PDB file of N, CA and C in Angstrom:
ATOM      1  N   MET A   1      -5.970 -12.237  16.786  1.00  0.00           N
ATOM      2  CA  MET A   1      -7.681 -12.237  17.246  1.00  0.00           C
ATOM      3  C   MET A   1      -7.449 -12.814  18.788  1.00  0.00           C
ATOM      4  N   ARG A   2      -8.411 -12.554  20.014  1.00  0.00           N
ATOM      5  CA  ARG A   2      -7.988 -12.346  21.459  1.00  0.00           C
ATOM      6  C   ARG A   2      -9.303 -14.007  21.361  1.00  0.00           C
ATOM      7  N   ARG A   3      -8.551 -14.189  22.383  1.00  0.00           N
ATOM      8  CA  ARG A   3      -9.264 -15.435  23.057  1.00  0.00           C
ATOM      9  C   ARG A   3     -10.159 -15.265  23.740  1.00  0.00           C
ATOM     10  N   TRP A   4     -11.657 -15.758  23.665  1.00  0.00           N
ATOM     11  CA  TRP A   4     -12.630 -15.292  24.651  1.00  0.00           C
ATOM     12  C   TRP A   4     -13.465 -16.455  24.807  1.00  0.00           C
ATOM     13  N   TYR A   5     -13.048 -17.939  24.711  1.00  0.00           N
ATOM     14  CA  TYR A   5     -13.902 -18.905  24.937  1.00  0.00           C
ATOM     15  C   TYR A   5     -13.708 -19.373  26.312  1.00  0.00           C
ATOM     16  N   GLY A   6     -12.419 -18.933  26.585  1.00  0.00           N
ATOM     17  CA  GLY A   6     -11.754 -19.047  28.473  1.00  0.00           C
ATOM     18  C   GLY A   6     -13.168 -18.345  29.179  1.00  0.00           C
ATOM     19  N   LYS A   7     -13.240 -17.328  28.662  1.00  0.00           N
ATOM     20  CA  LYS A   7     -14.374 -16.462  30.128  1.00  0.00           C
ATOM     21  C   LYS A   7     -15.598 -17.568  29.775  1.00  0.00           C
ATOM     22  N   LEU A   8     -16.034 -17.589  28.689  1.00  0.00           N
ATOM     23  CA  LEU A   8     -17.712 -18.484  28.594  1.00  0.00           C
ATOM     24  C   LEU A   8     -17.558 -20.024  29.473  1.00  0.00           C
ATOM     25  N   LEU A   9     -16.330 -20.483  28.968  1.00  0.00           N
ATOM     26  CA  LEU A   9     -16.238 -21.876  29.683  1.00  0.00           C
ATOM     27  C   LEU A   9     -16.008 -21.808  31.090  1.00  0.00           C
ATOM     28  N   GLY A  10     -15.310 -20.622  31.672  1.00  0.00           N
ATOM     29  CA  GLY A  10     -14.952 -20.714  32.799  1.00  0.00           C
ATOM     30  C   GLY A  10     -16.592 -20.191  33.641  1.00  0.00           C
ATOM     31  N   PHE A  11     -17.224 -19.086  33.051  1.00  0.00           N
ATOM     32  CA  PHE A  11     -18.685 -18.625  33.738  1.00  0.00           C
ATOM     33  C   PHE A  11     -19.353 -19.844  33.847  1.00  0.00           C
ATOM     34  N   ILE A  12     -19.843 -20.882  32.557  1.00  0.00           N
ATOM     35  CA  ILE A  12     -20.692 -21.976  32.738  1.00  0.00           C
ATOM     36  C   ILE A  12     -19.990 -23.200  33.704  1.00  0.00           C
ATOM     37  N   ALA A  13     -18.798 -23.178  33.742  1.00  0.00           N
ATOM     38  CA  ALA A  13     -18.027 -24.440  34.808  1.00  0.00           C
ATOM     39  C   ALA A  13     -18.086 -24.111  36.373  1.00  0.00           C
ATOM     40  N   GLY A  14     -17.785 -22.783  36.186  1.00  0.00           N
ATOM     41  CA  GLY A  14     -18.040 -21.808  37.620  1.00  0.00           C
ATOM     42  C   GLY A  14     -19.661 -22.213  38.051  1.00  0.00           C
ATOM     43  N   ALA A  15     -20.270 -21.604  37.550  1.00  0.00           N
ATOM     44  CA  ALA A  15     -22.112 -21.741  38.043  1.00  0.00           C
ATOM     45  C   ALA A  15     -22.156 -23.310  38.105  1.00  0.00           C
ATOM     46  N   ALA A  16     -21.758 -23.929  37.119  1.00  0.00           N
ATOM     47  CA  ALA A  16     -21.884 -25.286  37.771  1.00  0.00           C
ATOM     48  C   ALA A  16     -21.312 -26.157  38.845  1.00  0.00           C
ATOM     49  N   LEU A  17     -20.301 -25.950  39.169  1.00  0.00           N
ATOM     50  CA  LEU A  17     -19.340 -26.179  40.211  1.00  0.00           C
ATOM     51  C   LEU A  17     -19.785 -25.919  41.604  1.00  0.00           C
ATOM     52  N   LEU A  18     -20.129 -24.529  41.950  1.00  0.00           N
ATOM     53  CA  LEU A  18     -20.773 -23.825  42.984  1.00  0.00           C
ATOM     54  C   LEU A  18     -22.337 -23.905  42.949  1.00  0.00           C
ATOM     55  N   ARG A  19     -22.859 -24.798  43.097  1.00  0.00           N
ATOM     56  CA  ARG A  19     -24.200 -25.169  43.185  1.00  0.00           C
ATOM     57  C   ARG A  19     -25.033 -24.123  44.157  1.00  0.00           C
ATOM     58  N   PHE A  20     -24.173 -24.113  45.518  1.00  0.00           N
ATOM     59  CA  PHE A  20     -24.743 -23.307  46.339  1.00  0.00           C
ATOM     60  C   PHE A  20     -24.861 -21.899  46.360  1.00  0.00           C
ATOM     61  N   ASN A  21     -23.878 -21.339  45.353  1.00  0.00           N
ATOM     62  CA  ASN A  21     -24.149 -19.471  45.190  1.00  0.00           C
ATOM     63  C   ASN A  21     -23.466 -19.587  43.636  1.00  0.00           C
ATOM     64  N   PRO A  22     -24.322 -19.935  42.734  1.00  0.00           N
ATOM     65  CA  PRO A  22     -24.006 -20.084  41.086  1.00  0.00           C
ATOM     66  C   PRO A  22     -23.361 -18.863  40.886  1.00  0.00           C
ATOM     67  N   VAL A  23     -23.524 -17.507  41.415  1.00  0.00           N
ATOM     68  CA  VAL A  23     -23.241 -15.957  40.905  1.00  0.00           C
ATOM     69  C   VAL A  23     -21.830 -16.076  41.367  1.00  0.00           C
ATOM     70  N   LEU A  24     -21.474 -16.818  42.816  1.00  0.00           N
ATOM     71  CA  LEU A  24     -20.040 -16.620  43.103  1.00  0.00           C
ATOM     72  C   LEU A  24     -19.320 -17.562  42.093  1.00  0.00           C
ATOM     73  N   GLY A  25     -19.937 -18.918  42.016  1.00  0.00           N
ATOM     74  CA  GLY A  25     -19.110 -19.823  40.875  1.00  0.00           C
ATOM     75  C   GLY A  25     -18.764 -19.009  39.643  1.00  0.00           C
ATOM     76  N   ALA A  26     -20.036 -18.182  39.024  1.00  0.00           N
ATOM     77  CA  ALA A  26     -19.549 -17.464  37.734  1.00  0.00           C
ATOM     78  C   ALA A  26     -18.739 -16.525  37.646  1.00  0.00           C
ATOM     79  N   LEU A  27     -18.756 -15.914  38.606  1.00  0.00           N
ATOM     80  CA  LEU A  27     -17.441 -14.963  38.876  1.00  0.00           C
ATOM     81  C   LEU A  27     -16.308 -15.344  38.997  1.00  0.00           C
ATOM     82  N   VAL A  28     -15.885 -16.379  39.931  1.00  0.00           N
ATOM     83  CA  VAL A  28     -14.577 -16.993  40.004  1.00  0.00           C
ATOM     84  C   VAL A  28     -14.253 -17.802  38.610  1.00  0.00           C
ATOM     85  N   GLY A  29     -15.278 -18.379  38.053  1.00  0.00           N
ATOM     86  CA  GLY A  29     -15.246 -18.903  36.394  1.00  0.00           C
ATOM     87  C   GLY A  29     -14.453 -17.834  35.362  1.00  0.00           C
ATOM     88  N   LEU A  30     -15.571 -17.223  35.519  1.00  0.00           N
ATOM     89  CA  LEU A  30     -15.079 -15.572  34.518  1.00  0.00           C
ATOM     90  C   LEU A  30     -13.710 -15.229  34.914  1.00  0.00           C
ATOM     91  N   LEU A  31     -12.957 -14.921  36.130  1.00  0.00           N
ATOM     92  CA  LEU A  31     -12.048 -14.299  36.307  1.00  0.00           C
ATOM     93  C   LEU A  31     -10.826 -15.728  35.952  1.00  0.00           C
ATOM     94  N   VAL A  32     -10.822 -16.875  36.394  1.00  0.00           N
ATOM     95  CA  VAL A  32     -10.157 -17.864  35.829  1.00  0.00           C
ATOM     96  C   VAL A  32     -10.107 -17.957  34.126  1.00  0.00           C
ATOM     97  N   GLY A  33     -11.106 -17.835  33.499  1.00  0.00           N
ATOM     98  CA  GLY A  33     -11.039 -18.060  32.063  1.00  0.00           C
ATOM     99  C   GLY A  33     -10.624 -16.664  31.715  1.00  0.00           C
ATOM    100  N   HIS A  34     -10.511 -15.620  32.118  1.00  0.00           N
ATOM    101  CA  HIS A  34      -9.981 -14.478  31.535  1.00  0.00           C
ATOM    102  C   HIS A  34      -8.640 -14.675  31.929  1.00  0.00           C
ATOM    103  N   ALA A  35      -7.944 -15.428  32.988  1.00  0.00           N
ATOM    104  CA  ALA A  35      -6.656 -15.447  33.163  1.00  0.00           C
ATOM    105  C   ALA A  35      -6.134 -16.382  31.920  1.00  0.00           C
ATOM    106  N   PHE A  36      -6.998 -17.425  31.744  1.00  0.00           N
ATOM    107  CA  PHE A  36      -6.575 -18.293  30.760  1.00  0.00           C
ATOM    108  C   PHE A  36      -6.664 -17.832  29.508  1.00  0.00           C
ATOM    109  N   ASP A  37      -7.551 -16.788  28.788  1.00  0.00           N
ATOM    110  CA  ASP A  37      -7.545 -16.098  27.745  1.00  0.00           C
ATOM    111  C   ASP A  37      -6.060 -15.174  27.715  1.00  0.00           C
ATOM    112  N   VAL A  38      -5.412 -14.474  28.360  1.00  0.00           N
ATOM    113  CA  VAL A  38      -4.755 -13.735  28.472  1.00  0.00           C
ATOM    114  C   VAL A  38      -3.489 -14.571  28.846  1.00  0.00           C
ATOM    115  N   ASP A  39      -3.198 -15.668  28.621  1.00  0.00           N
ATOM    116  CA  ASP A  39      -1.982 -16.289  29.181  1.00  0.00           C
ATOM    117  C   ASP A  39      -1.583 -16.111  30.136  1.00  0.00           C
ATOM    118  N   TRP A  40      -2.064 -15.770  31.066  1.00  0.00           N
ATOM    119  CA  TRP A  40      -1.516 -15.813  32.511  1.00  0.00           C
ATOM    120  C   TRP A  40      -0.562 -17.023  33.451  1.00  0.00           C
ATOM    121  N   PHE A  41      -1.433 -18.269  32.863  1.00  0.00           N
ATOM    122  CA  PHE A  41      -0.951 -19.724  33.118  1.00  0.00           C
ATOM    123  C   PHE A  41       0.380 -20.093  32.077  1.00  0.00           C
ATOM    124  N   ARG A  42       0.817 -19.570  31.627  1.00  0.00           N
ATOM    125  CA  ARG A  42       1.823 -19.810  30.556  1.00  0.00           C
ATOM    126  C   ARG A  42       2.891 -19.702  30.939  1.00  0.00           C
ATOM    127  N   LEU A  43       3.644 -20.693  31.087  1.00  0.00           N
ATOM    128  CA  LEU A  43       4.839 -20.546  31.923  1.00  0.00           C
ATOM    129  C   LEU A  43       6.123 -19.813  30.658  1.00  0.00           C
ATOM    130  N   ARG A  44       6.319 -18.819  31.143  1.00  0.00           N
ATOM    131  CA  ARG A  44       7.556 -17.733  30.131  1.00  0.00           C
ATOM    132  C   ARG A  44       8.770 -18.671  30.145  1.00  0.00           C
ATOM    133  N   GLN A  45       9.256 -18.255  28.754  1.00  0.00           N
ATOM    134  CA  GLN A  45      10.460 -19.312  28.608  1.00  0.00           C
ATOM    135  C   GLN A  45      11.053 -18.094  28.267  1.00  0.00           C
ATOM    136  N   ARG A  46      12.560 -18.256  28.707  1.00  0.00           N
ATOM    137  CA  ARG A  46      13.572 -17.482  28.314  1.00  0.00           C
ATOM    138  C   ARG A  46      13.950 -17.436  26.935  1.00  0.00           C
ATOM    139  N   THR A  47      13.583 -16.497  26.147  1.00  0.00           N
ATOM    140  CA  THR A  47      14.199 -16.379  25.023  1.00  0.00           C
ATOM    141  C   THR A  47      15.734 -15.749  25.154  1.00  0.00           C
ATOM    142  N   ASN A  48      16.503 -16.365  23.945  1.00  0.00           N
ATOM    143  CA  ASN A  48      17.871 -15.878  23.878  1.00  0.00           C
ATOM    144  C   ASN A  48      17.860 -14.377  23.600  1.00  0.00           C
ATOM    145  N   PRO A  49      18.220 -13.668  24.302  1.00  0.00           N
ATOM    146  CA  PRO A  49      18.528 -12.594  24.154  1.00  0.00           C
ATOM    147  C   PRO A  49      19.495 -11.937  22.860  1.00  0.00           C
ATOM    148  N   TYR A  50      20.308 -12.803  22.716  1.00  0.00           N
ATOM    149  CA  TYR A  50      20.902 -12.247  21.437  1.00  0.00           C
ATOM    150  C   TYR A  50      20.234 -12.413  19.827  1.00  0.00           C
ATOM    151  N   ALA A  51      19.247 -13.398  20.082  1.00  0.00           N
ATOM    152  CA  ALA A  51      18.410 -14.073  18.598  1.00  0.00           C
ATOM    153  C   ALA A  51      17.823 -12.571  18.598  1.00  0.00           C
ATOM    154  N   VAL A  52      17.094 -11.939  19.445  1.00  0.00           N
ATOM    155  CA  VAL A  52      16.429 -10.695  19.356  1.00  0.00           C
ATOM    156  C   VAL A  52      16.726 -10.157  18.402  1.00  0.00           C
ATOM    157  N   PHE A  53      18.474  -9.921  18.655  1.00  0.00           N
ATOM    158  CA  PHE A  53      18.879  -8.873  17.554  1.00  0.00           C
ATOM    159  C   PHE A  53      19.918  -9.538  16.481  1.00  0.00           C
ATOM    160  N   GLY A  54      19.597 -10.651  16.376  1.00  0.00           N
ATOM    161  CA  GLY A  54      19.901 -11.373  15.014  1.00  0.00           C
ATOM    162  C   GLY A  54      21.630 -11.765  15.241  1.00  0.00           C
ATOM    163  N   LEU A  55      22.174 -11.943  16.494  1.00  0.00           N
ATOM    164  CA  LEU A  55      23.781 -12.082  16.811  1.00  0.00           C
ATOM    165  C   LEU A  55      23.661 -13.582  17.359  1.00  0.00           C
ATOM    166  N   THR A  56      24.934 -13.848  17.725  1.00  0.00           N
ATOM    167  CA  THR A  56      25.148 -14.995  18.352  1.00  0.00           C
ATOM    168  C   THR A  56      26.130 -14.426  19.572  1.00  0.00           C
ATOM    169  N   GLU A  57      26.268 -15.278  20.465  1.00  0.00           N
ATOM    170  CA  GLU A  57      26.984 -15.137  22.262  1.00  0.00           C
ATOM    171  C   GLU A  57      28.235 -14.773  21.716  1.00  0.00           C
ATOM    172  N   GLU A  58      29.016 -14.673  20.750  1.00  0.00           N
ATOM    173  CA  GLU A  58      30.620 -14.221  20.675  1.00  0.00           C
ATOM    174  C   GLU A  58      30.024 -12.822  20.058  1.00  0.00           C
ATOM    175  N   ALA A  59      29.483 -12.124  19.744  1.00  0.00           N
ATOM    176  CA  ALA A  59      29.238 -11.178  19.063  1.00  0.00           C
ATOM    177  C   ALA A  59      30.244 -10.054  20.236  1.00  0.00           C
ATOM    178  N   THR A  60      30.805  -8.997  19.884  1.00  0.00           N
ATOM    179  CA  THR A  60      31.385  -7.813  21.006  1.00  0.00           C
ATOM    180  C   THR A  60      29.987  -6.924  21.302  1.00  0.00           C
ATOM    181  N   ASP A  61      30.731  -6.283  22.124  1.00  0.00           N
ATOM    182  CA  ASP A  61      29.700  -4.979  22.679  1.00  0.00           C
ATOM    183  C   ASP A  61      29.440  -4.171  21.699  1.00  0.00           C
ATOM    184  N   ALA A  62      30.742  -3.943  20.524  1.00  0.00           N
ATOM    185  CA  ALA A  62      30.019  -2.913  19.615  1.00  0.00           C
ATOM    186  C   ALA A  62      29.091  -3.436  18.738  1.00  0.00           C
ATOM    187  N   GLU A  63      29.294  -4.441  18.745  1.00  0.00           N
ATOM    188  CA  GLU A  63      28.004  -5.057  17.708  1.00  0.00           C
ATOM    189  C   GLU A  63      26.807  -4.946  18.445  1.00  0.00           C
ATOM    190  N   VAL A  64      26.653  -5.545  20.036  1.00  0.00           N
ATOM    191  CA  VAL A  64      25.350  -5.483  20.281  1.00  0.00           C
ATOM    192  C   VAL A  64      24.983  -4.189  20.213  1.00  0.00           C
ATOM    193  N   ASP A  65      25.467  -2.979  20.728  1.00  0.00           N
ATOM    194  CA  ASP A  65      25.283  -1.777  20.563  1.00  0.00           C
ATOM    195  C   ASP A  65      24.691  -1.244  19.473  1.00  0.00           C
ATOM    196  N   ARG A  66      25.598  -1.632  18.275  1.00  0.00           N
ATOM    197  CA  ARG A  66      25.019  -1.073  17.082  1.00  0.00           C
ATOM    198  C   ARG A  66      23.698  -1.785  16.281  1.00  0.00           C
ATOM    199  N   ALA A  67      23.354  -3.175  16.356  1.00  0.00           N
ATOM    200  CA  ALA A  67      22.307  -3.855  16.595  1.00  0.00           C
ATOM    201  C   ALA A  67      20.945  -3.053  17.296  1.00  0.00           C
ATOM    202  N   TYR A  68      21.089  -2.621  18.704  1.00  0.00           N
ATOM    203  CA  TYR A  68      20.416  -2.109  19.518  1.00  0.00           C
ATOM    204  C   TYR A  68      20.064  -0.984  18.821  1.00  0.00           C
ATOM    205  N   ARG A  69      20.871   0.036  19.075  1.00  0.00           N
ATOM    206  CA  ARG A  69      20.337   1.319  18.606  1.00  0.00           C
ATOM    207  C   ARG A  69      19.855   1.270  17.204  1.00  0.00           C
ATOM    208  N   ARG A  70      20.241   0.496  16.017  1.00  0.00           N
ATOM    209  CA  ARG A  70      19.900   0.212  14.619  1.00  0.00           C
ATOM    210  C   ARG A  70      18.046  -0.338  14.810  1.00  0.00           C
ATOM    211  N   LEU A  71      18.275  -1.091  15.453  1.00  0.00           N
ATOM    212  CA  LEU A  71      16.578  -1.527  15.983  1.00  0.00           C
ATOM    213  C   LEU A  71      15.752  -0.720  16.582  1.00  0.00           C
ATOM    214  N   ILE A  72      16.363  -0.212  17.678  1.00  0.00           N
ATOM    215  CA  ILE A  72      15.259   0.674  18.323  1.00  0.00           C
ATOM    216  C   ILE A  72      15.098   1.604  17.759  1.00  0.00           C
ATOM    217  N   GLY A  73      16.054   2.430  16.512  1.00  0.00           N
ATOM    218  CA  GLY A  73      15.531   3.432  16.016  1.00  0.00           C
ATOM    219  C   GLY A  73      14.544   2.988  15.327  1.00  0.00           C
ATOM    220  N   GLN A  74      14.470   1.826  14.641  1.00  0.00           N
ATOM    221  CA  GLN A  74      13.518   1.217  13.758  1.00  0.00           C
ATOM    222  C   GLN A  74      11.960   1.302  14.522  1.00  0.00           C
ATOM    223  N   TYR A  75      11.936   0.909  15.370  1.00  0.00           N
ATOM    224  CA  TYR A  75      11.199   0.659  16.272  1.00  0.00           C
ATOM    225  C   TYR A  75      10.665   1.494  17.242  1.00  0.00           C
ATOM    226  N   HIS A  76      11.163   2.144  17.361  1.00  0.00           N
ATOM    227  CA  HIS A  76      10.637   3.074  18.551  1.00  0.00           C
ATOM    228  C   HIS A  76       9.214   4.083  18.152  1.00  0.00           C
ATOM    229  N   PRO A  77       8.334   3.847  19.457  1.00  0.00           N
ATOM    230  CA  PRO A  77       7.187   4.562  19.200  1.00  0.00           C
ATOM    231  C   PRO A  77       6.946   6.061  18.768  1.00  0.00           C
ATOM    232  N   ASP A  78       8.243   7.050  19.381  1.00  0.00           N
ATOM    233  CA  ASP A  78       8.107   8.228  18.958  1.00  0.00           C
ATOM    234  C   ASP A  78       8.088   8.190  17.367  1.00  0.00           C
ATOM    235  N   ARG A  79       8.692   7.322  16.602  1.00  0.00           N
ATOM    236  CA  ARG A  79       8.984   7.600  15.444  1.00  0.00           C
ATOM    237  C   ARG A  79       7.982   7.115  14.561  1.00  0.00           C
ATOM    238  N   LEU A  80       6.838   6.599  15.396  1.00  0.00           N
ATOM    239  CA  LEU A  80       5.522   6.208  14.533  1.00  0.00           C
ATOM    240  C   LEU A  80       4.335   6.947  15.120  1.00  0.00           C
ATOM    241  N   GLU A  81       4.455   8.570  15.185  1.00  0.00           N
ATOM    242  CA  GLU A  81       3.815   8.962  15.521  1.00  0.00           C
ATOM    243  C   GLU A  81       2.007   9.468  15.292  1.00  0.00           C
ATOM    244  N   GLY A  82       2.328   9.340  13.773  1.00  0.00           N
ATOM    245  CA  GLY A  82       0.667   9.553  13.116  1.00  0.00           C
ATOM    246  C   GLY A  82       0.467   8.146  12.428  1.00  0.00           C
ATOM    247  N   ALA A  83       1.213   7.018  13.225  1.00  0.00           N
ATOM    248  CA  ALA A  83       0.691   5.507  12.416  1.00  0.00           C
ATOM    249  C   ALA A  83      -0.490   5.117  13.068  1.00  0.00           C
ATOM    250  N   ALA A  84      -1.156   4.113  12.390  1.00  0.00           N
ATOM    251  CA  ALA A  84      -2.183   3.434  12.978  1.00  0.00           C
ATOM    252  C   ALA A  84      -2.058   2.967  14.282  1.00  0.00           C
ATOM    253  N   PRO A  85      -2.962   2.795  15.255  1.00  0.00           N
ATOM    254  CA  PRO A  85      -2.988   2.409  16.457  1.00  0.00           C
ATOM    255  C   PRO A  85      -2.432   0.933  16.715  1.00  0.00           C
ATOM    256  N   GLU A  86      -2.946   0.309  15.902  1.00  0.00           N
ATOM    257  CA  GLU A  86      -2.651  -1.002  15.546  1.00  0.00           C
ATOM    258  C   GLU A  86      -0.850  -1.418  15.580  1.00  0.00           C
ATOM    259  N   LEU A  87      -0.325  -0.772  14.740  1.00  0.00           N
ATOM    260  CA  LEU A  87       0.980  -0.626  14.209  1.00  0.00           C
ATOM    261  C   LEU A  87       1.824   0.064  15.345  1.00  0.00           C
ATOM    262  N   ARG A  88       1.241   0.694  16.128  1.00  0.00           N
ATOM    263  CA  ARG A  88       1.527   1.738  17.220  1.00  0.00           C
ATOM    264  C   ARG A  88       2.363   0.594  18.341  1.00  0.00           C
ATOM    265  N   ARG A  89       0.823  -0.004  18.223  1.00  0.00           N
ATOM    266  CA  ARG A  89       1.177  -0.939  19.439  1.00  0.00           C
ATOM    267  C   ARG A  89       2.182  -2.154  19.318  1.00  0.00           C
ATOM    268  N   GLN A  90       2.060  -2.653  18.150  1.00  0.00           N
ATOM    269  CA  GLN A  90       3.099  -3.598  17.763  1.00  0.00           C
ATOM    270  C   GLN A  90       4.611  -2.926  17.571  1.00  0.00           C
ATOM    271  N   ALA A  91       4.661  -1.636  17.414  1.00  0.00           N
ATOM    272  CA  ALA A  91       6.180  -1.625  17.714  1.00  0.00           C
ATOM    273  C   ALA A  91       6.514  -1.108  18.927  1.00  0.00           C
ATOM    274  N   GLU A  92       5.494  -0.769  19.902  1.00  0.00           N
ATOM    275  CA  GLU A  92       5.836  -0.713  21.290  1.00  0.00           C
ATOM    276  C   GLU A  92       6.326  -2.121  21.837  1.00  0.00           C
ATOM    277  N   ALA A  93       5.338  -3.220  21.103  1.00  0.00           N
ATOM    278  CA  ALA A  93       5.273  -4.390  21.903  1.00  0.00           C
ATOM    279  C   ALA A  93       7.318  -4.885  21.281  1.00  0.00           C
ATOM    280  N   ARG A  94       7.521  -4.245  20.496  1.00  0.00           N
ATOM    281  CA  ARG A  94       8.766  -4.956  19.717  1.00  0.00           C
ATOM    282  C   ARG A  94       9.699  -4.141  20.266  1.00  0.00           C
ATOM    283  N   ALA A  95       9.522  -2.782  20.858  1.00  0.00           N
ATOM    284  CA  ALA A  95      10.426  -1.768  21.770  1.00  0.00           C
ATOM    285  C   ALA A  95      10.563  -2.534  23.076  1.00  0.00           C
ATOM    286  N   ARG A  96       9.746  -2.633  23.594  1.00  0.00           N
ATOM    287  CA  ARG A  96       9.829  -3.552  25.112  1.00  0.00           C
ATOM    288  C   ARG A  96      10.712  -4.600  25.091  1.00  0.00           C
ATOM    289  N   GLU A  97      10.434  -5.638  23.899  1.00  0.00           N
ATOM    290  CA  GLU A  97      11.093  -6.954  24.076  1.00  0.00           C
ATOM    291  C   GLU A  97      12.716  -6.517  23.600  1.00  0.00           C
ATOM    292  N   LEU A  98      13.144  -5.706  22.640  1.00  0.00           N
ATOM    293  CA  LEU A  98      14.514  -4.850  22.207  1.00  0.00           C
ATOM    294  C   LEU A  98      15.473  -4.454  23.637  1.00  0.00           C
ATOM    295  N   ASN A  99      14.650  -3.786  24.356  1.00  0.00           N
ATOM    296  CA  ASN A  99      14.915  -3.168  25.863  1.00  0.00           C
ATOM    297  C   ASN A  99      15.041  -4.373  26.477  1.00  0.00           C
ATOM    298  N   ALA A 100      14.650  -5.384  26.882  1.00  0.00           N
ATOM    299  CA  ALA A 100      14.627  -5.806  27.976  1.00  0.00           C
ATOM    300  C   ALA A 100      15.790  -6.984  27.093  1.00  0.00           C
ATOM    301  N   ALA A 101      16.047  -7.609  26.041  1.00  0.00           N
ATOM    302  CA  ALA A 101      17.015  -8.617  25.423  1.00  0.00           C
ATOM    303  C   ALA A 101      18.333  -7.451  25.970  1.00  0.00           C
ATOM    304  N   TYR A 102      18.210  -6.363  25.672  1.00  0.00           N
ATOM    305  CA  TYR A 102      19.470  -5.995  25.656  1.00  0.00           C
ATOM    306  C   TYR A 102      19.942  -5.601  27.190  1.00  0.00           C
ATOM    307  N   ASP A 103      18.995  -4.946  28.135  1.00  0.00           N
ATOM    308  CA  ASP A 103      19.213  -5.135  29.448  1.00  0.00           C
ATOM    309  C   ASP A 103      19.790  -6.655  30.053  1.00  0.00           C
ATOM    310  N   ARG A 104      19.148  -7.635  29.573  1.00  0.00           N
ATOM    311  CA  ARG A 104      19.491  -9.024  29.947  1.00  0.00           C
ATOM    312  C   ARG A 104      21.071  -8.955  29.017  1.00  0.00           C
ATOM    313  N   ILE A 105      21.626  -8.931  28.032  1.00  0.00           N
ATOM    314  CA  ILE A 105      22.640  -9.072  27.356  1.00  0.00           C
ATOM    315  C   ILE A 105      23.809  -8.290  28.629  1.00  0.00           C
ATOM    316  N   LYS A 106      23.381  -7.034  28.915  1.00  0.00           N
ATOM    317  CA  LYS A 106      24.329  -6.107  29.330  1.00  0.00           C
ATOM    318  C   LYS A 106      24.248  -6.508  31.264  1.00  0.00           C
ATOM    319  N   THR A 107      23.321  -7.284  31.701  1.00  0.00           N
ATOM    320  CA  THR A 107      23.354  -7.996  33.059  1.00  0.00           C
ATOM    321  C   THR A 107      24.298  -9.161  32.991  1.00  0.00           C
ATOM    322  N   LEU A 108      24.193 -10.273  31.917  1.00  0.00           N
ATOM    323  CA  LEU A 108      25.190 -11.361  31.644  1.00  0.00           C
ATOM    324  C   LEU A 108      26.530 -10.865  31.445  1.00  0.00           C
ATOM    325  N   ARG A 109      26.626  -9.575  30.781  1.00  0.00           N
ATOM    326  CA  ARG A 109      28.113  -9.552  30.097  1.00  0.00           C
ATOM    327  C   ARG A 109      28.566  -8.767  32.074  1.00  0.00           C
ATOM    328  N   LYS A 110      27.873  -8.212  32.498  1.00  0.00           N
ATOM    329  CA  LYS A 110      28.531  -7.847  33.781  1.00  0.00           C
ATOM    330  C   LYS A 110      29.116  -8.851  34.645  1.00  0.00           C
ATOM    331  N   ARG A 111      28.273 -10.141  34.810  1.00  0.00           N
ATOM    332  CA  ARG A 111      28.345 -10.837  35.806  1.00  0.00           C
ATOM    333  C   ARG A 111      30.215 -11.457  35.098  1.00  0.00           C
ATOM    334  N   SER A 112      30.192 -11.757  33.684  1.00  0.00           N
ATOM    335  CA  SER A 112      31.200 -12.537  33.785  1.00  0.00           C
ATOM    336  C   SER A 112      32.505 -11.762  33.521  1.00  0.00           C
TER     337      SER A 112
END
């Protein structure tokens, strides 16, 4: 479920705080509330890329490649062509997460 109350509270607070121009204040408050609702202010925490694949840092390159291929084959959006839109969106998000984790692992391994 998506949050909506940030927009409402931002709209009201913006209009009240900028009394000289309540319309401008309401718009600014609405923008700040929207940013709150979609988590723009949350600091992104770096997750362990190995945990995405269910592996440890001691996993070999072959194990990482095998886990990536297995999971991306399962969650690739092209495989869910006729699925419900919500299921397809979830698969796309999971595929993005898998690709980002795989790229991060490859970058970390190149450095060492």
